[in-house]
Amino acid sequence: MLNNFTAADVTDQTGRTVFVTGANSGIGLEVSKALAGRGARVVLGCRSAAKADAAVAQIRLECPDADLGFIEIDLADLSSVRDAAARANADEEIDVLINNAGVMVPPLGRTKDGFELQFGVNHLGPFALTGLMLRTLKDRPKSRVILTSSIAHRNGRIDFCDLHAHDHYSRLKRYQMSKLANLLHMYELDRRLRTARAETMALACHPGVADTNLMRFLPGPARLLMVPGRLFLNSANEGAWPALAAATSQAVSGGAYVGPSRRGETAGPAGLAKSTERARDPELAARLWAVSTELTGVEYPV
């Protein structure tokens, strides 16, 4: 059983290639550093070459011989997601896809395709990317897909009547909705992969409450409270532990949900996390899957 996992527990990853979205900052950067330091080839998924170059420079400070690549991807643009998946499938032999990039409680915004920003970036983008990359991933021995959720999923509801927030918008409720969607996606993907007896495992993780730039959209009073709160938060490095466990540990299997093990899953080393009954509802997951397929135009090969 997974217990007290940290970056020190990541085994030799030589010969494996990992694609990390949002790899230029926060948890994505720390995940990339740790995997590169253990010998993996890490393909950085970033919105621009400039962001990727800055991340490469930081990683090489700690891992001078790191094997790094770059694929441009903007999860707020499905055409960019399609281009990134096509390049990854053609140019890289990806063993692990870590869907790390996301946004949290921004003002109301829209993706290029007209979706509410949090639902679009946090769920529909990763849904499309995973489905497009699964065509090659599913035949890779011991391959894995990681979806990043949050403890915020516990209060999430999928508003099928107003998916794109045309009628009303609550920053927090839409974030909670997108994080519930991540878990519904993972559990349904796990069911499909098992039925197909595919090589790939689907897993999910969450970082607890980590001090990263995701906090930048918090309202002013909440940001002020975060100043003393930082003493009790995970650092970005610690927040990366669940993703690293999901990507590398031999103590997890498909369908596992990994998160911090202390203070109500807000901090500490990684272990198995708890998801709500709603997140594991197969009928809700099937409904979301059908809607996501329609919105993205991506059909999964399982």
C-alpha atoms as a PDB file:
ATOM      1  CA  MET A   1       0.000   0.000   0.000  1.00  0.00           C
ATOM      2  CA  LEU A   2       1.169   3.508  -0.795  1.00  0.00           C
ATOM      3  CA  ASN A   3       2.372   5.229   2.367  1.00  0.00           C
ATOM      4  CA  ASN A   4       4.435   8.346   3.156  1.00  0.00           C
ATOM      5  CA  PHE A   5       5.698   8.760  -0.413  1.00  0.00           C
ATOM      6  CA  THR A   6       8.028  11.682  -1.162  1.00  0.00           C
ATOM      7  CA  ALA A   7      10.317  12.623  -4.022  1.00  0.00           C
ATOM      8  CA  ALA A   8      13.035  10.554  -2.351  1.00  0.00           C
ATOM      9  CA  ASP A   9      10.974   7.446  -3.160  1.00  0.00           C
ATOM     10  CA  VAL A  10      10.997   7.998  -6.918  1.00  0.00           C
ATOM     11  CA  THR A  11      12.927   5.110  -8.426  1.00  0.00           C
ATOM     12  CA  ASP A  12      15.203   5.182 -11.460  1.00  0.00           C
ATOM     13  CA  GLN A  13      13.144   6.341 -14.452  1.00  0.00           C
ATOM     14  CA  THR A  14      15.789   5.823 -17.122  1.00  0.00           C
ATOM     15  CA  GLY A  15      14.163   4.803 -20.395  1.00  0.00           C
ATOM     16  CA  ARG A  16      10.792   6.370 -19.620  1.00  0.00           C
ATOM     17  CA  THR A  17       9.387   9.491 -21.255  1.00  0.00           C
ATOM     18  CA  VAL A  18       6.942  11.697 -19.358  1.00  0.00           C
ATOM     19  CA  PHE A  19       4.829  14.504 -20.803  1.00  0.00           C
ATOM     20  CA  VAL A  20       3.956  17.099 -18.136  1.00  0.00           C
ATOM     21  CA  THR A  21       1.499  19.894 -18.922  1.00  0.00           C
ATOM     22  CA  GLY A  22       2.001  23.167 -17.083  1.00  0.00           C
ATOM     23  CA  ALA A  23       5.637  22.190 -16.587  1.00  0.00           C
ATOM     24  CA  ASN A  24       7.051  25.716 -16.415  1.00  0.00           C
ATOM     25  CA  SER A  25       5.985  26.635 -12.871  1.00  0.00           C
ATOM     26  CA  GLY A  26       4.723  25.398  -9.519  1.00  0.00           C
ATOM     27  CA  ILE A  27       3.999  21.723  -9.121  1.00  0.00           C
ATOM     28  CA  GLY A  28       4.566  20.944 -12.805  1.00  0.00           C
ATOM     29  CA  LEU A  29       8.093  22.338 -12.606  1.00  0.00           C
ATOM     30  CA  GLU A  30       8.845  20.394  -9.414  1.00  0.00           C
ATOM     31  CA  VAL A  31       7.497  17.174 -10.924  1.00  0.00           C
ATOM     32  CA  SER A  32       9.663  17.743 -13.989  1.00  0.00           C
ATOM     33  CA  LYS A  33      12.772  18.385 -11.876  1.00  0.00           C
ATOM     34  CA  ALA A  34      12.258  15.225  -9.832  1.00  0.00           C
ATOM     35  CA  LEU A  35      11.641  12.977 -12.837  1.00  0.00           C
ATOM     36  CA  ALA A  36      14.533  14.430 -14.826  1.00  0.00           C
ATOM     37  CA  GLY A  37      16.755  13.909 -11.795  1.00  0.00           C
ATOM     38  CA  ARG A  38      15.848  10.213 -11.827  1.00  0.00           C
ATOM     39  CA  GLY A  39      16.774   9.777 -15.480  1.00  0.00           C
ATOM     40  CA  ALA A  40      13.440  10.214 -17.270  1.00  0.00           C
ATOM     41  CA  ARG A  41      13.120  12.137 -20.496  1.00  0.00           C
ATOM     42  CA  VAL A  42      10.708  14.922 -19.584  1.00  0.00           C
ATOM     43  CA  VAL A  43       8.696  16.666 -22.286  1.00  0.00           C
ATOM     44  CA  LEU A  44       7.601  20.063 -21.016  1.00  0.00           C
ATOM     45  CA  GLY A  45       4.100  21.090 -22.057  1.00  0.00           C
ATOM     46  CA  CYS A  46       4.051  24.898 -21.919  1.00  0.00           C
ATOM     47  CA  ARG A  47       2.114  27.690 -23.600  1.00  0.00           C
ATOM     48  CA  SER A  48       5.207  29.261 -25.160  1.00  0.00           C
ATOM     49  CA  ALA A  49       8.833  28.560 -25.970  1.00  0.00           C
ATOM     50  CA  ALA A  50       9.864  31.393 -23.649  1.00  0.00           C
ATOM     51  CA  LYS A  51       8.157  29.707 -20.685  1.00  0.00           C
ATOM     52  CA  ALA A  52       9.738  26.390 -21.623  1.00  0.00           C
ATOM     53  CA  ASP A  53      13.213  27.933 -21.941  1.00  0.00           C
ATOM     54  CA  ALA A  54      12.915  29.441 -18.452  1.00  0.00           C
ATOM     55  CA  ALA A  55      11.838  26.065 -17.046  1.00  0.00           C
ATOM     56  CA  VAL A  56      14.700  24.264 -18.798  1.00  0.00           C
ATOM     57  CA  ALA A  57      17.177  26.712 -17.279  1.00  0.00           C
ATOM     58  CA  GLN A  58      15.807  26.078 -13.780  1.00  0.00           C
ATOM     59  CA  ILE A  59      15.814  22.305 -14.198  1.00  0.00           C
ATOM     60  CA  ARG A  60      19.379  22.292 -15.513  1.00  0.00           C
ATOM     61  CA  LEU A  61      20.558  24.177 -12.427  1.00  0.00           C
ATOM     62  CA  GLU A  62      19.773  21.016 -10.444  1.00  0.00           C
ATOM     63  CA  CYS A  63      20.083  18.422 -13.217  1.00  0.00           C
ATOM     64  CA  PRO A  64      22.728  19.581 -15.743  1.00  0.00           C
ATOM     65  CA  ASP A  65      22.373  16.413 -17.821  1.00  0.00           C
ATOM     66  CA  ALA A  66      18.557  16.386 -17.856  1.00  0.00           C
ATOM     67  CA  ASP A  67      16.970  14.964 -21.017  1.00  0.00           C
ATOM     68  CA  LEU A  68      14.306  17.549 -21.822  1.00  0.00           C
ATOM     69  CA  GLY A  69      11.910  18.255 -24.666  1.00  0.00           C
ATOM     70  CA  PHE A  70       9.229  20.854 -25.310  1.00  0.00           C
ATOM     71  CA  ILE A  71       5.776  20.765 -26.873  1.00  0.00           C
ATOM     72  CA  GLU A  72       3.748  23.937 -27.091  1.00  0.00           C
ATOM     73  CA  ILE A  73       0.227  23.503 -25.740  1.00  0.00           C
ATOM     74  CA  ASP A  74      -2.548  25.826 -24.644  1.00  0.00           C
ATOM     75  CA  LEU A  75      -5.362  23.919 -22.951  1.00  0.00           C
ATOM     76  CA  ALA A  76      -7.677  26.867 -23.559  1.00  0.00           C
ATOM     77  CA  ASP A  77      -7.492  26.159 -27.305  1.00  0.00           C
ATOM     78  CA  LEU A  78      -8.547  22.740 -28.631  1.00  0.00           C
ATOM     79  CA  SER A  79      -6.660  23.278 -31.890  1.00  0.00           C
ATOM     80  CA  SER A  80      -3.475  23.707 -29.820  1.00  0.00           C
ATOM     81  CA  VAL A  81      -4.325  20.545 -27.880  1.00  0.00           C
ATOM     82  CA  ARG A  82      -4.759  18.615 -31.127  1.00  0.00           C
ATOM     83  CA  ASP A  83      -1.456  19.902 -32.498  1.00  0.00           C
ATOM     84  CA  ALA A  84       0.352  19.007 -29.267  1.00  0.00           C
ATOM     85  CA  ALA A  85      -1.082  15.491 -29.201  1.00  0.00           C
ATOM     86  CA  ALA A  86      -0.169  14.931 -32.851  1.00  0.00           C
ATOM     87  CA  ARG A  87       3.398  16.048 -32.197  1.00  0.00           C
ATOM     88  CA  ALA A  88       3.708  13.928 -29.065  1.00  0.00           C
ATOM     89  CA  ASN A  89       2.372  10.861 -30.853  1.00  0.00           C
ATOM     90  CA  ALA A  90       4.693  11.380 -33.817  1.00  0.00           C
ATOM     91  CA  ASP A  91       7.912  12.552 -32.165  1.00  0.00           C
ATOM     92  CA  GLU A  92       7.929  11.034 -28.671  1.00  0.00           C
ATOM     93  CA  GLU A  93       7.317   7.591 -27.190  1.00  0.00           C
ATOM     94  CA  ILE A  94       5.345   8.801 -24.174  1.00  0.00           C
ATOM     95  CA  ASP A  95       5.052   6.430 -21.224  1.00  0.00           C
ATOM     96  CA  VAL A  96       3.325   8.772 -18.770  1.00  0.00           C
ATOM     97  CA  LEU A  97       1.007  11.705 -19.385  1.00  0.00           C
ATOM     98  CA  ILE A  98       0.656  14.000 -16.375  1.00  0.00           C
ATOM     99  CA  ASN A  99      -2.268  16.387 -16.841  1.00  0.00           C
ATOM    100  CA  ASN A 100      -1.049  18.992 -14.383  1.00  0.00           C
ATOM    101  CA  ALA A 101      -1.898  22.385 -15.920  1.00  0.00           C
ATOM    102  CA  GLY A 102      -4.965  24.206 -14.659  1.00  0.00           C
ATOM    103  CA  VAL A 103      -6.521  27.426 -13.419  1.00  0.00           C
ATOM    104  CA  MET A 104      -8.216  28.184 -10.094  1.00  0.00           C
ATOM    105  CA  VAL A 105     -10.981  30.705  -9.326  1.00  0.00           C
ATOM    106  CA  PRO A 106     -10.229  33.269 -12.050  1.00  0.00           C
ATOM    107  CA  PRO A 107     -12.730  35.934 -13.080  1.00  0.00           C
ATOM    108  CA  LEU A 108     -15.240  34.717 -15.650  1.00  0.00           C
ATOM    109  CA  GLY A 109     -13.401  33.938 -18.871  1.00  0.00           C
ATOM    110  CA  ARG A 110     -13.809  31.881 -22.024  1.00  0.00           C
ATOM    111  CA  THR A 111     -11.549  29.485 -23.885  1.00  0.00           C
ATOM    112  CA  LYS A 112     -10.929  30.006 -27.588  1.00  0.00           C
ATOM    113  CA  ASP A 113     -13.726  27.518 -28.238  1.00  0.00           C
ATOM    114  CA  GLY A 114     -16.189  29.403 -26.044  1.00  0.00           C
ATOM    115  CA  PHE A 115     -16.143  27.172 -22.959  1.00  0.00           C
ATOM    116  CA  GLU A 116     -16.143  28.594 -19.430  1.00  0.00           C
ATOM    117  CA  LEU A 117     -12.431  28.886 -18.648  1.00  0.00           C
ATOM    118  CA  GLN A 118     -12.127  26.559 -15.640  1.00  0.00           C
ATOM    119  CA  PHE A 119     -14.249  23.776 -17.148  1.00  0.00           C
ATOM    120  CA  GLY A 120     -12.441  24.200 -20.459  1.00  0.00           C
ATOM    121  CA  VAL A 121      -8.858  24.286 -19.170  1.00  0.00           C
ATOM    122  CA  ASN A 122      -9.195  21.954 -16.199  1.00  0.00           C
ATOM    123  CA  HIS A 123     -11.409  19.285 -17.769  1.00  0.00           C
ATOM    124  CA  LEU A 124     -12.133  19.558 -21.492  1.00  0.00           C
ATOM    125  CA  GLY A 125      -8.518  20.278 -22.464  1.00  0.00           C
ATOM    126  CA  PRO A 126      -7.133  17.277 -20.539  1.00  0.00           C
ATOM    127  CA  PHE A 127     -10.050  15.142 -21.753  1.00  0.00           C
ATOM    128  CA  ALA A 128      -9.157  15.921 -25.354  1.00  0.00           C
ATOM    129  CA  LEU A 129      -5.402  15.569 -24.865  1.00  0.00           C
ATOM    130  CA  THR A 130      -5.736  12.232 -23.094  1.00  0.00           C
ATOM    131  CA  GLY A 131      -8.085  10.810 -25.708  1.00  0.00           C
ATOM    132  CA  LEU A 132      -5.863  11.878 -28.585  1.00  0.00           C
ATOM    133  CA  MET A 133      -2.696  10.541 -26.951  1.00  0.00           C
ATOM    134  CA  LEU A 134      -4.309   7.314 -25.821  1.00  0.00           C
ATOM    135  CA  ARG A 135      -4.109   6.029 -29.377  1.00  0.00           C
ATOM    136  CA  THR A 136      -0.399   5.396 -28.828  1.00  0.00           C
ATOM    137  CA  LEU A 137      -0.282   5.274 -25.012  1.00  0.00           C
ATOM    138  CA  LYS A 138      -2.647   2.306 -24.767  1.00  0.00           C
ATOM    139  CA  ASP A 139      -0.090   0.020 -26.384  1.00  0.00           C
ATOM    140  CA  ARG A 140       2.876   1.206 -24.318  1.00  0.00           C
ATOM    141  CA  PRO A 141       3.808  -1.309 -21.567  1.00  0.00           C
ATOM    142  CA  LYS A 142       3.109   0.074 -18.062  1.00  0.00           C
ATOM    143  CA  SER A 143       1.984   3.437 -19.408  1.00  0.00           C
ATOM    144  CA  ARG A 144      -0.010   5.795 -17.188  1.00  0.00           C
ATOM    145  CA  VAL A 145      -2.361   8.761 -17.467  1.00  0.00           C
ATOM    146  CA  ILE A 146      -2.575  11.080 -14.459  1.00  0.00           C
ATOM    147  CA  LEU A 147      -5.464  13.513 -13.911  1.00  0.00           C
ATOM    148  CA  THR A 148      -5.045  16.258 -11.316  1.00  0.00           C
ATOM    149  CA  SER A 149      -8.061  16.850  -9.079  1.00  0.00           C
ATOM    150  CA  SER A 150      -8.417  18.675  -5.751  1.00  0.00           C
ATOM    151  CA  ILE A 151      -9.978  18.331  -2.319  1.00  0.00           C
ATOM    152  CA  ALA A 152     -12.357  20.981  -3.709  1.00  0.00           C
ATOM    153  CA  HIS A 153     -14.061  18.198  -5.672  1.00  0.00           C
ATOM    154  CA  ARG A 154     -15.875  17.246  -2.469  1.00  0.00           C
ATOM    155  CA  ASN A 155     -18.332  20.120  -2.908  1.00  0.00           C
ATOM    156  CA  GLY A 156     -18.487  19.885  -6.686  1.00  0.00           C
ATOM    157  CA  ARG A 157     -21.650  19.555  -8.766  1.00  0.00           C
ATOM    158  CA  ILE A 158     -21.803  19.256 -12.565  1.00  0.00           C
ATOM    159  CA  ASP A 159     -24.193  21.929 -13.831  1.00  0.00           C
ATOM    160  CA  PHE A 160     -25.283  20.242 -17.049  1.00  0.00           C
ATOM    161  CA  CYS A 161     -27.924  22.936 -17.595  1.00  0.00           C
ATOM    162  CA  ASP A 162     -25.325  25.712 -17.670  1.00  0.00           C
ATOM    163  CA  LEU A 163     -21.952  24.111 -18.380  1.00  0.00           C
ATOM    164  CA  HIS A 164     -20.448  27.300 -19.769  1.00  0.00           C
ATOM    165  CA  ALA A 165     -21.749  29.736 -17.135  1.00  0.00           C
ATOM    166  CA  HIS A 166     -23.955  31.777 -19.426  1.00  0.00           C
ATOM    167  CA  ASP A 167     -26.624  32.134 -16.734  1.00  0.00           C
ATOM    168  CA  HIS A 168     -24.508  32.535 -13.594  1.00  0.00           C
ATOM    169  CA  TYR A 169     -20.875  32.327 -12.480  1.00  0.00           C
ATOM    170  CA  SER A 170     -19.298  31.517  -9.132  1.00  0.00           C
ATOM    171  CA  ARG A 171     -15.514  31.271  -9.208  1.00  0.00           C
ATOM    172  CA  LEU A 172     -15.371  28.655  -6.461  1.00  0.00           C
ATOM    173  CA  LYS A 173     -18.328  26.548  -7.602  1.00  0.00           C
ATOM    174  CA  ARG A 174     -16.946  26.353 -11.119  1.00  0.00           C
ATOM    175  CA  TYR A 175     -13.544  25.318  -9.784  1.00  0.00           C
ATOM    176  CA  GLN A 176     -15.169  22.631  -7.635  1.00  0.00           C
ATOM    177  CA  MET A 177     -17.141  21.455 -10.660  1.00  0.00           C
ATOM    178  CA  SER A 178     -14.025  21.149 -12.821  1.00  0.00           C
ATOM    179  CA  LYS A 179     -12.175  19.171 -10.155  1.00  0.00           C
ATOM    180  CA  LEU A 180     -15.116  16.791  -9.740  1.00  0.00           C
ATOM    181  CA  ALA A 181     -15.051  16.384 -13.518  1.00  0.00           C
ATOM    182  CA  ASN A 182     -11.379  15.328 -13.331  1.00  0.00           C
ATOM    183  CA  LEU A 183     -12.220  12.448 -10.998  1.00  0.00           C
ATOM    184  CA  LEU A 184     -15.302  11.375 -12.945  1.00  0.00           C
ATOM    185  CA  HIS A 185     -13.096  11.350 -16.046  1.00  0.00           C
ATOM    186  CA  MET A 186     -10.421   9.244 -14.341  1.00  0.00           C
ATOM    187  CA  TYR A 187     -12.799   6.637 -12.919  1.00  0.00           C
ATOM    188  CA  GLU A 188     -14.643   6.225 -16.225  1.00  0.00           C
ATOM    189  CA  LEU A 189     -11.336   5.995 -18.116  1.00  0.00           C
ATOM    190  CA  ASP A 190     -10.138   3.380 -15.643  1.00  0.00           C
ATOM    191  CA  ARG A 191     -13.303   1.325 -16.249  1.00  0.00           C
ATOM    192  CA  ARG A 192     -12.839   1.522 -20.003  1.00  0.00           C
ATOM    193  CA  LEU A 193      -9.135   0.642 -19.890  1.00  0.00           C
ATOM    194  CA  ARG A 194      -9.795  -2.377 -17.690  1.00  0.00           C
ATOM    195  CA  THR A 195     -12.560  -3.584 -19.996  1.00  0.00           C
ATOM    196  CA  ALA A 196     -10.266  -3.195 -23.002  1.00  0.00           C
ATOM    197  CA  ARG A 197      -7.395  -4.848 -21.101  1.00  0.00           C
ATOM    198  CA  ALA A 198      -5.202  -1.985 -22.245  1.00  0.00           C
ATOM    199  CA  GLU A 199      -1.638  -1.511 -21.030  1.00  0.00           C
ATOM    200  CA  THR A 200      -2.399   1.961 -19.690  1.00  0.00           C
ATOM    201  CA  MET A 201      -3.442   2.748 -16.111  1.00  0.00           C
ATOM    202  CA  ALA A 202      -5.564   5.789 -15.281  1.00  0.00           C
ATOM    203  CA  LEU A 203      -4.903   7.465 -11.930  1.00  0.00           C
ATOM    204  CA  ALA A 204      -5.615  10.783 -10.254  1.00  0.00           C
ATOM    205  CA  CYS A 205      -3.848  12.917  -7.699  1.00  0.00           C
ATOM    206  CA  HIS A 206      -4.280  16.133  -5.793  1.00  0.00           C
ATOM    207  CA  PRO A 207      -1.636  18.353  -4.155  1.00  0.00           C
ATOM    208  CA  GLY A 208      -3.506  19.234  -0.976  1.00  0.00           C
ATOM    209  CA  VAL A 209      -3.189  22.947  -0.306  1.00  0.00           C
ATOM    210  CA  ALA A 210       0.059  23.984  -1.957  1.00  0.00           C
ATOM    211  CA  ASP A 211       1.676  27.397  -2.146  1.00  0.00           C
ATOM    212  CA  THR A 212       1.798  27.901  -5.927  1.00  0.00           C
ATOM    213  CA  ASN A 213       0.834  30.565  -8.449  1.00  0.00           C
ATOM    214  CA  LEU A 214      -2.619  28.963  -8.713  1.00  0.00           C
ATOM    215  CA  MET A 215      -3.402  31.180  -5.716  1.00  0.00           C
ATOM    216  CA  ARG A 216      -2.996  34.357  -7.784  1.00  0.00           C
ATOM    217  CA  PHE A 217      -6.728  34.722  -8.488  1.00  0.00           C
ATOM    218  CA  LEU A 218      -7.824  34.471  -4.853  1.00  0.00           C
ATOM    219  CA  PRO A 219      -9.726  37.561  -3.654  1.00  0.00           C
ATOM    220  CA  GLY A 220      -7.666  40.119  -1.685  1.00  0.00           C
ATOM    221  CA  PRO A 221      -8.821  39.102   1.839  1.00  0.00           C
ATOM    222  CA  ALA A 222      -8.138  35.448   1.085  1.00  0.00           C
ATOM    223  CA  ARG A 223      -4.633  36.287  -0.160  1.00  0.00           C
ATOM    224  CA  LEU A 224      -3.935  38.135   3.076  1.00  0.00           C
ATOM    225  CA  LEU A 225      -4.978  35.098   5.090  1.00  0.00           C
ATOM    226  CA  MET A 226      -2.620  32.976   3.012  1.00  0.00           C
ATOM    227  CA  VAL A 227       0.423  34.877   4.325  1.00  0.00           C
ATOM    228  CA  PRO A 228       0.421  33.282   7.823  1.00  0.00           C
ATOM    229  CA  GLY A 229      -1.203  30.191   6.335  1.00  0.00           C
ATOM    230  CA  ARG A 230       1.923  29.468   4.296  1.00  0.00           C
ATOM    231  CA  LEU A 231       3.496  28.065   7.460  1.00  0.00           C
ATOM    232  CA  PHE A 232       1.061  25.149   7.215  1.00  0.00           C
ATOM    233  CA  LEU A 233       0.835  24.681   3.453  1.00  0.00           C
ATOM    234  CA  ASN A 234       2.685  22.284   1.221  1.00  0.00           C
ATOM    235  CA  SER A 235       5.440  23.898  -0.769  1.00  0.00           C
ATOM    236  CA  ALA A 236       5.304  23.353  -4.530  1.00  0.00           C
ATOM    237  CA  ASN A 237       7.956  20.665  -4.025  1.00  0.00           C
ATOM    238  CA  GLU A 238       5.810  18.861  -1.439  1.00  0.00           C
ATOM    239  CA  GLY A 239       2.679  19.374  -3.515  1.00  0.00           C
ATOM    240  CA  ALA A 240       4.391  17.426  -6.300  1.00  0.00           C
ATOM    241  CA  TRP A 241       4.687  14.251  -4.209  1.00  0.00           C
ATOM    242  CA  PRO A 242       1.209  12.855  -5.047  1.00  0.00           C
ATOM    243  CA  ALA A 243       1.751  13.332  -8.785  1.00  0.00           C
ATOM    244  CA  LEU A 244       5.153  11.669  -8.535  1.00  0.00           C
ATOM    245  CA  ALA A 245       3.645   8.751  -6.630  1.00  0.00           C
ATOM    246  CA  ALA A 246       0.867   8.339  -9.186  1.00  0.00           C
ATOM    247  CA  ALA A 247       3.382   8.464 -12.028  1.00  0.00           C
ATOM    248  CA  THR A 248       6.061   6.158 -10.618  1.00  0.00           C
ATOM    249  CA  SER A 249       5.043   4.112  -7.578  1.00  0.00           C
ATOM    250  CA  GLN A 250       4.625   0.357  -7.937  1.00  0.00           C
ATOM    251  CA  ALA A 251       2.274   0.409  -4.936  1.00  0.00           C
ATOM    252  CA  VAL A 252      -0.617   1.911  -6.920  1.00  0.00           C
ATOM    253  CA  SER A 253      -2.874   0.435  -9.570  1.00  0.00           C
ATOM    254  CA  GLY A 254      -5.375   1.797 -12.069  1.00  0.00           C
ATOM    255  CA  GLY A 255      -8.155   3.818 -10.475  1.00  0.00           C
ATOM    256  CA  ALA A 256      -6.002   4.980  -7.546  1.00  0.00           C
ATOM    257  CA  TYR A 257      -6.440   8.504  -6.207  1.00  0.00           C
ATOM    258  CA  VAL A 258      -3.354   9.891  -4.467  1.00  0.00           C
ATOM    259  CA  GLY A 259      -2.994  12.906  -2.185  1.00  0.00           C
ATOM    260  CA  PRO A 260      -1.253  14.230   0.936  1.00  0.00           C
ATOM    261  CA  SER A 261      -1.731  12.043   3.993  1.00  0.00           C
ATOM    262  CA  ARG A 262      -1.812  14.597   6.822  1.00  0.00           C
ATOM    263  CA  ARG A 263      -4.096  17.343   8.182  1.00  0.00           C
ATOM    264  CA  GLY A 264      -7.169  16.222   6.276  1.00  0.00           C
ATOM    265  CA  GLU A 265      -5.236  15.600   3.046  1.00  0.00           C
ATOM    266  CA  THR A 266      -3.975  19.182   2.950  1.00  0.00           C
ATOM    267  CA  ALA A 267      -0.262  18.483   3.535  1.00  0.00           C
ATOM    268  CA  GLY A 268       2.404  15.872   4.071  1.00  0.00           C
ATOM    269  CA  PRO A 269       3.754  12.842   2.213  1.00  0.00           C
ATOM    270  CA  ALA A 270       1.567  11.104  -0.350  1.00  0.00           C
ATOM    271  CA  GLY A 271      -0.821   8.255   0.322  1.00  0.00           C
ATOM    272  CA  LEU A 272      -4.166   7.070  -0.991  1.00  0.00           C
ATOM    273  CA  ALA A 273      -6.779   9.835  -0.949  1.00  0.00           C
ATOM    274  CA  LYS A 274     -10.535   9.716  -0.448  1.00  0.00           C
ATOM    275  CA  SER A 275     -13.004  10.653  -3.153  1.00  0.00           C
ATOM    276  CA  THR A 276     -16.706  11.305  -2.744  1.00  0.00           C
ATOM    277  CA  GLU A 277     -19.492   8.931  -3.696  1.00  0.00           C
ATOM    278  CA  ARG A 278     -20.502  11.444  -6.360  1.00  0.00           C
ATOM    279  CA  ALA A 279     -17.038  11.294  -7.925  1.00  0.00           C
ATOM    280  CA  ARG A 280     -17.398   7.508  -8.241  1.00  0.00           C
ATOM    281  CA  ASP A 281     -20.932   7.568  -9.696  1.00  0.00           C
ATOM    282  CA  PRO A 282     -20.712   5.623 -12.989  1.00  0.00           C
ATOM    283  CA  GLU A 283     -23.943   7.095 -14.404  1.00  0.00           C
ATOM    284  CA  LEU A 284     -22.767  10.644 -13.755  1.00  0.00           C
ATOM    285  CA  ALA A 285     -19.378   9.795 -15.251  1.00  0.00           C
ATOM    286  CA  ALA A 286     -20.980   8.311 -18.370  1.00  0.00           C
ATOM    287  CA  ARG A 287     -23.125  11.417 -18.844  1.00  0.00           C
ATOM    288  CA  LEU A 288     -20.134  13.728 -18.464  1.00  0.00           C
ATOM    289  CA  TRP A 289     -18.107  11.548 -20.835  1.00  0.00           C
ATOM    290  CA  ALA A 290     -20.773  11.785 -23.529  1.00  0.00           C
ATOM    291  CA  VAL A 291     -21.009  15.571 -23.180  1.00  0.00           C
ATOM    292  CA  SER A 292     -17.201  15.928 -23.179  1.00  0.00           C
ATOM    293  CA  THR A 293     -16.920  13.829 -26.332  1.00  0.00           C
ATOM    294  CA  GLU A 294     -19.516  15.995 -28.043  1.00  0.00           C
ATOM    295  CA  LEU A 295     -17.896  19.279 -26.980  1.00  0.00           C
ATOM    296  CA  THR A 296     -14.320  18.308 -27.867  1.00  0.00           C
ATOM    297  CA  GLY A 297     -15.016  16.070 -30.850  1.00  0.00           C
ATOM    298  CA  VAL A 298     -12.551  13.533 -29.427  1.00  0.00           C
ATOM    299  CA  GLU A 299     -13.513   9.860 -29.502  1.00  0.00           C
ATOM    300  CA  TYR A 300     -11.448   7.586 -27.247  1.00  0.00           C
ATOM    301  CA  PRO A 301      -9.963   4.361 -28.700  1.00  0.00           C
ATOM    302  CA  VAL A 302     -11.290   2.410 -25.674  1.00  0.00           C
END
